[in-house]
Every structure is written in C-alpha cells, then in structure tokens.
Amino acid sequence: MQNRVRLGKLTIIISEGRNKKIELFRNDRPELRHLTLSFNNPSGEIDLHMTTNLPGNQKDRVPVAKIPELDFAKALGSFGAAFIAGIAQSAHKVRKIRPGWLGRKGYAIVYMDDQASDDFLNTIAPKRKVGKSKKWARIFDPEGFASYANWEELSKCVYYPSFLHEIAEMGHKDPIFAVRNFGRHKPSILPIGLVNQSSGKKCWIRLDKLARSIGAIGDGLVLSTLGQIVPPGVTAQIYDALQLNEV
C-alpha cells in the first residue's frame, strides 16, 4: 500500500510492506538525494538514509542515522506530555464566541458537508498520474483554487451565524471558519471550534490566538525532541542534501 502527496516542490510517499517507509523527494530536482525513514525493522531501529537513483535501477544509499524505536517512543511520550502542558498554560487565551456577536461584527459562516468538502478537494487538488510510474497523487492546482472563488456552489456553503446552533446539534467536531462580509473587525477570517464545557453544555470558542500559541509550542518542542534522538549535524545534512533553501 502506498500513499503519495505532492506539496509544491516536495513529494512525500508513505508505503507499507515488510516495514513502513516515509520518503521525501524533491520532485523538481531528480538528481538530488531523497530521504527515507523506515520503521518496524527487525533491528528495532528507525533507519534514516539518503538515496540517489542511478542508471539501471541502481541506488546509492548513504546511512544518516539509526534511532532505537524505544528512544523514539520515549521522546514522543515526553513530547506529548510537554505539548499538553504547554496548551494548558495557554488556556487563558480561550475566548467563547456567540453567533449574535459574529452577526453584529459582520461575519458569515462557511460550512461544508462531506460532499461539499470532497468537491472542494477535487477542485483545488485533483488527482493526477505523475512520474514514470504514473501513480495517482493529489496535485495542488492554483487555477482550480482561483476558480473555486467564483464557483456557484460556494454560495451554498455560506450561512448566517445563527446556523451555528444547528451545526452544534449535529455534533460537528472540525474547525469552522467565520468570514467577515462587512465592517472592520479583525481578523477577516476567524477559525472557531465547538467544545464541551465542564457543565456538559457546548460552546463555540475562538481558535486564532490559541492556534498561534499551539503552533509556537509545537515548533519549539519538535526541535527539542529531535535534539534528543537525532545525532548532531543530521538535520543540517538532510537540509543540504535536499537543498531545502530552494523550497
């Protein structure tokens, strides 16, 4: 089984056979090495190596690092605990929001059901066959994204803020966006989410400030976690090999 995702100049392939692999390619620079991470190996280690494709289906592999899966699991556990603690410290930034307030400030709600979400994804990132192997992958289409703004179906996904009451009754769990139609209130696009209060009642909260805090917490913890399990210099080696400064 193989899944392929293309993000600009990078392609990520996730495959599963005797072990699990994650491969990171530069799709615009086939001459560059690509990064491979393999899991569930008999050695009990996560294997990182850089690979260059050579003529005749030959491959030149350069070992980068081997990480004991136990160490990785411990680091992941410490990451999770620290991440939750960081979020708890940001709890004071959570602000409840009411449909009436959104309406007075000029916001409308953008909500898509499963069918509308599928149509949106197929418009902005249609599946195409890529590479010599002609494998299917979703490719971001800037023209599709631009045309979506004029797509007549889009108007069917815009509601008055009072529709949030119905969405709450449906038990929708994913974030929803409120978009400002008039007025000068900031931000122009406001992410909101539905949560359960300790009383058992549901309420909508703003996710913009909380999301920024979580992002900053996550970025710092990812770097510190990598420092626990990856030998010094490995990150720079991968960065240089893939020429990520061009991405």
Protein backbone atom coordinates (compact mmCIF):
# COMPACT_ATOMS: atom_id res chain seq x y z
CA MET A 1 0.00 0.00 0.00
CA GLN A 2 1.34 3.41 -0.94
CA ASN A 3 0.12 6.98 -0.48
CA ARG A 4 1.68 9.89 -2.31
CA VAL A 5 1.23 13.58 -1.55
CA ARG A 6 2.76 16.37 -3.60
CA LEU A 7 3.34 19.74 -1.90
CA GLY A 8 4.90 22.23 -4.27
CA LYS A 9 8.49 21.09 -4.90
CA LEU A 10 8.28 18.27 -2.36
CA THR A 11 6.69 14.84 -2.65
CA ILE A 12 6.03 12.60 0.36
CA ILE A 13 5.48 8.87 -0.16
CA ILE A 14 4.22 6.66 2.66
CA SER A 15 4.40 2.93 1.92
CA GLU A 16 3.89 -0.26 3.85
CA GLY A 17 5.30 -3.72 3.11
CA ARG A 18 7.70 -5.73 5.26
CA ASN A 19 8.24 -2.44 7.08
CA LYS A 20 6.87 1.07 6.90
CA LYS A 21 8.63 3.79 4.95
CA ILE A 22 8.35 7.54 4.62
CA GLU A 23 10.23 9.04 1.66
CA LEU A 24 10.77 12.73 0.98
CA PHE A 25 11.68 13.79 -2.57
CA ARG A 26 12.39 17.00 -4.44
CA ASN A 27 10.12 16.44 -7.45
CA ASP A 28 11.78 19.28 -9.41
CA ARG A 29 15.35 18.09 -8.76
CA PRO A 30 15.52 14.34 -9.53
CA GLU A 31 19.31 14.45 -9.38
CA LEU A 32 19.23 15.20 -5.65
CA ARG A 33 19.21 12.53 -2.98
CA HIS A 34 15.94 11.75 -1.24
CA LEU A 35 15.36 10.98 2.43
CA THR A 36 14.00 7.63 3.58
CA LEU A 37 12.81 6.72 7.07
CA SER A 38 11.97 3.06 7.64
CA PHE A 39 10.11 1.70 10.68
CA ASN A 40 9.31 -1.74 12.10
CA ASN A 41 12.73 -3.11 11.18
CA PRO A 42 14.00 -6.42 12.69
CA SER A 43 16.78 -4.45 14.39
CA GLY A 44 14.22 -2.46 16.38
CA GLU A 45 15.68 0.77 15.00
CA ILE A 46 14.33 3.55 12.81
CA ASP A 47 16.67 3.79 9.83
CA LEU A 48 17.36 7.16 8.20
CA HIS A 49 19.30 7.23 4.95
CA MET A 50 19.73 9.37 1.83
CA THR A 51 19.31 7.67 -1.54
CA THR A 52 20.38 8.61 -5.07
CA ASN A 53 18.77 6.87 -8.04
CA LEU A 54 21.39 5.65 -10.54
CA PRO A 55 21.07 4.32 -14.10
CA GLY A 56 19.93 0.72 -14.44
CA ASN A 57 17.57 0.89 -11.46
CA GLN A 58 20.58 1.05 -9.14
CA LYS A 59 20.51 3.01 -5.89
CA ASP A 60 23.27 4.60 -3.87
CA ARG A 61 22.34 4.66 -0.19
CA VAL A 62 24.16 6.78 2.36
CA PRO A 63 23.34 6.00 6.03
CA VAL A 64 22.37 9.06 8.05
CA ALA A 65 21.29 7.76 11.45
CA LYS A 66 19.70 4.85 13.28
CA ILE A 67 17.36 5.63 16.13
CA PRO A 68 16.23 2.93 18.59
CA GLU A 69 12.45 2.76 18.38
CA LEU A 70 12.32 2.68 22.18
CA ASP A 71 14.15 6.02 22.33
CA PHE A 72 11.80 7.40 19.72
CA ALA A 73 8.77 6.23 21.71
CA LYS A 74 10.14 7.80 24.89
CA ALA A 75 10.86 11.08 23.10
CA LEU A 76 7.38 11.01 21.58
CA GLY A 77 5.89 10.45 25.03
CA SER A 78 7.81 13.37 26.52
CA PHE A 79 6.76 15.49 23.53
CA GLY A 80 3.10 14.69 24.17
CA ALA A 81 3.31 15.46 27.89
CA ALA A 82 5.13 18.75 27.29
CA PHE A 83 2.73 19.66 24.49
CA ILE A 84 -0.32 19.14 26.70
CA ALA A 85 1.32 21.14 29.50
CA GLY A 86 2.02 23.97 27.06
CA ILE A 87 -1.57 24.02 25.87
CA ALA A 88 -2.79 24.10 29.47
CA GLN A 89 -0.68 27.20 30.05
CA SER A 90 -2.39 28.81 27.03
CA ALA A 91 -5.90 28.05 28.29
CA HIS A 92 -6.33 31.67 29.40
CA LYS A 93 -6.34 32.66 25.72
CA VAL A 94 -9.51 30.68 25.02
CA ARG A 95 -12.44 33.01 24.37
CA LYS A 96 -16.04 31.99 23.96
CA ILE A 97 -17.87 33.36 20.95
CA ARG A 98 -21.59 33.69 20.26
CA PRO A 99 -23.46 33.65 16.92
CA GLY A 100 -25.06 37.01 17.76
CA TRP A 101 -21.66 38.65 18.24
CA LEU A 102 -20.46 37.27 14.90
CA GLY A 103 -23.54 38.65 13.16
CA ARG A 104 -23.12 42.12 14.65
CA LYS A 105 -19.45 42.21 13.61
CA GLY A 106 -20.28 41.31 10.02
CA TYR A 107 -19.25 37.64 9.90
CA ALA A 108 -20.79 34.81 7.90
CA ILE A 109 -20.18 31.10 8.46
CA VAL A 110 -18.55 28.84 5.86
CA TYR A 111 -19.65 25.25 6.41
CA MET A 112 -19.21 22.24 4.12
CA ASP A 113 -20.80 18.84 4.49
CA ASP A 114 -18.89 15.74 3.38
CA GLN A 115 -19.98 16.05 -0.26
CA ALA A 116 -19.07 19.73 -0.47
CA SER A 117 -15.69 19.01 1.15
CA ASP A 118 -14.96 16.30 -1.44
CA ASP A 119 -15.93 18.65 -4.27
CA PHE A 120 -13.68 21.37 -2.83
CA LEU A 121 -10.72 18.99 -2.55
CA ASN A 122 -11.20 17.69 -6.08
CA THR A 123 -11.31 21.27 -7.38
CA ILE A 124 -8.18 22.64 -5.72
CA ALA A 125 -6.13 19.40 -5.63
CA PRO A 126 -7.37 16.96 -8.30
CA LYS A 127 -5.86 13.50 -8.57
CA ARG A 128 -3.41 13.09 -11.45
CA LYS A 129 -0.96 10.49 -12.63
CA VAL A 130 2.60 11.66 -12.00
CA GLY A 131 6.09 10.37 -12.64
CA LYS A 132 7.24 7.49 -14.79
CA SER A 133 5.21 5.05 -12.75
CA LYS A 134 2.03 7.06 -13.45
CA LYS A 135 0.86 6.76 -9.89
CA TRP A 136 -2.11 8.76 -8.67
CA ALA A 137 -1.42 11.74 -6.41
CA ARG A 138 -3.26 14.88 -5.45
CA ILE A 139 -1.64 17.93 -7.06
CA PHE A 140 -2.44 21.44 -5.87
CA ASP A 141 -3.92 23.43 -8.77
CA PRO A 142 -3.62 27.24 -8.36
CA GLU A 143 -6.08 27.80 -11.21
CA GLY A 144 -8.55 25.44 -9.57
CA PHE A 145 -8.15 27.32 -6.31
CA ALA A 146 -8.78 30.64 -8.07
CA SER A 147 -11.81 29.29 -9.92
CA TYR A 148 -13.24 27.97 -6.67
CA ALA A 149 -13.74 31.55 -5.51
CA ASN A 150 -16.17 32.01 -8.43
CA TRP A 151 -17.72 28.56 -8.10
CA GLU A 152 -21.50 28.87 -7.84
CA GLU A 153 -21.65 26.01 -5.36
CA LEU A 154 -19.61 28.10 -2.92
CA SER A 155 -22.60 30.30 -2.16
CA LYS A 156 -24.43 27.22 -0.86
CA CYS A 157 -21.76 26.80 1.82
CA VAL A 158 -22.21 30.29 3.33
CA TYR A 159 -24.66 30.74 6.22
CA TYR A 160 -25.81 33.30 8.74
CA PRO A 161 -24.07 32.87 12.12
CA SER A 162 -27.32 31.55 13.64
CA PHE A 163 -26.65 28.34 11.68
CA LEU A 164 -24.01 27.54 14.30
CA HIS A 165 -26.83 26.35 16.57
CA GLU A 166 -27.76 23.67 14.02
CA ILE A 167 -24.13 22.71 13.47
CA ALA A 168 -23.73 22.25 17.23
CA GLU A 169 -26.77 19.97 17.30
CA MET A 170 -25.24 17.87 14.51
CA GLY A 171 -22.16 17.31 16.69
CA HIS A 172 -19.70 18.72 14.13
CA LYS A 173 -16.15 18.40 15.52
CA ASP A 174 -13.90 20.04 12.91
CA PRO A 175 -12.97 23.74 12.99
CA ILE A 176 -15.24 26.11 11.09
CA PHE A 177 -14.36 29.48 9.57
CA ALA A 178 -16.23 32.72 10.08
CA VAL A 179 -15.54 35.18 7.25
CA ARG A 180 -16.16 38.92 7.61
CA ASN A 181 -18.55 40.29 4.98
CA PHE A 182 -18.69 43.88 6.19
CA GLY A 183 -17.26 46.11 8.87
CA ARG A 184 -13.68 46.50 10.00
CA HIS A 185 -13.42 43.99 12.81
CA LYS A 186 -10.28 41.85 12.75
CA PRO A 187 -9.41 39.19 11.78
CA SER A 188 -11.17 38.94 8.43
CA ILE A 189 -11.15 35.13 8.72
CA LEU A 190 -11.79 33.72 12.17
CA PRO A 191 -11.41 29.98 12.95
CA ILE A 192 -13.82 28.72 15.60
CA GLY A 193 -14.39 25.35 17.24
CA LEU A 194 -17.07 23.58 19.24
CA VAL A 195 -16.11 22.33 22.72
CA ASN A 196 -17.86 20.73 25.68
CA GLN A 197 -17.82 22.71 28.91
CA SER A 198 -17.43 21.11 32.34
CA SER A 199 -21.17 21.68 32.82
CA GLY A 200 -21.87 19.44 29.83
CA LYS A 201 -23.05 22.32 27.64
CA LYS A 202 -21.46 23.03 24.27
CA CYS A 203 -20.00 26.37 23.31
CA TRP A 204 -18.07 27.92 20.42
CA ILE A 205 -14.58 29.29 21.03
CA ARG A 206 -12.10 31.33 19.03
CA LEU A 207 -9.15 29.32 17.77
CA ASP A 208 -6.99 32.07 16.27
CA LYS A 209 -4.93 33.07 19.30
CA LEU A 210 -4.95 29.54 20.70
CA ALA A 211 -3.74 28.15 17.34
CA ARG A 212 -0.80 30.57 17.25
CA SER A 213 0.19 29.56 20.77
CA ILE A 214 -0.07 25.86 19.96
CA GLY A 215 1.98 26.37 16.78
CA ALA A 216 4.75 28.11 18.68
CA ILE A 217 4.71 25.42 21.38
CA GLY A 218 4.84 22.65 18.76
CA ASP A 219 7.69 24.22 16.76
CA GLY A 220 9.91 24.53 19.81
CA LEU A 221 9.12 21.06 21.09
CA VAL A 222 9.75 19.42 17.71
CA LEU A 223 13.25 20.89 17.63
CA SER A 224 13.99 19.88 21.21
CA THR A 225 12.57 16.38 20.63
CA LEU A 226 14.69 15.90 17.52
CA GLY A 227 17.70 17.00 19.53
CA GLN A 228 17.04 14.15 21.95
CA ILE A 229 17.04 11.37 19.35
CA VAL A 230 18.96 12.56 16.27
CA PRO A 231 22.77 12.83 16.31
CA PRO A 232 24.23 16.34 15.98
CA GLY A 233 24.51 17.59 12.40
CA VAL A 234 21.90 15.24 10.92
CA THR A 235 19.27 17.94 10.44
CA ALA A 236 21.76 20.14 8.57
CA GLN A 237 22.85 17.16 6.46
CA ILE A 238 19.27 16.47 5.36
CA TYR A 239 18.63 20.17 4.72
CA ASP A 240 21.69 20.47 2.49
CA ALA A 241 21.09 17.21 0.62
CA LEU A 242 17.55 18.18 -0.35
CA GLN A 243 18.52 21.83 -0.90
CA LEU A 244 15.53 22.87 1.19
CA ASN A 245 16.58 26.50 1.00
CA GLU A 246 15.11 26.44 -2.54
CA VAL A 247 11.70 25.22 -1.36
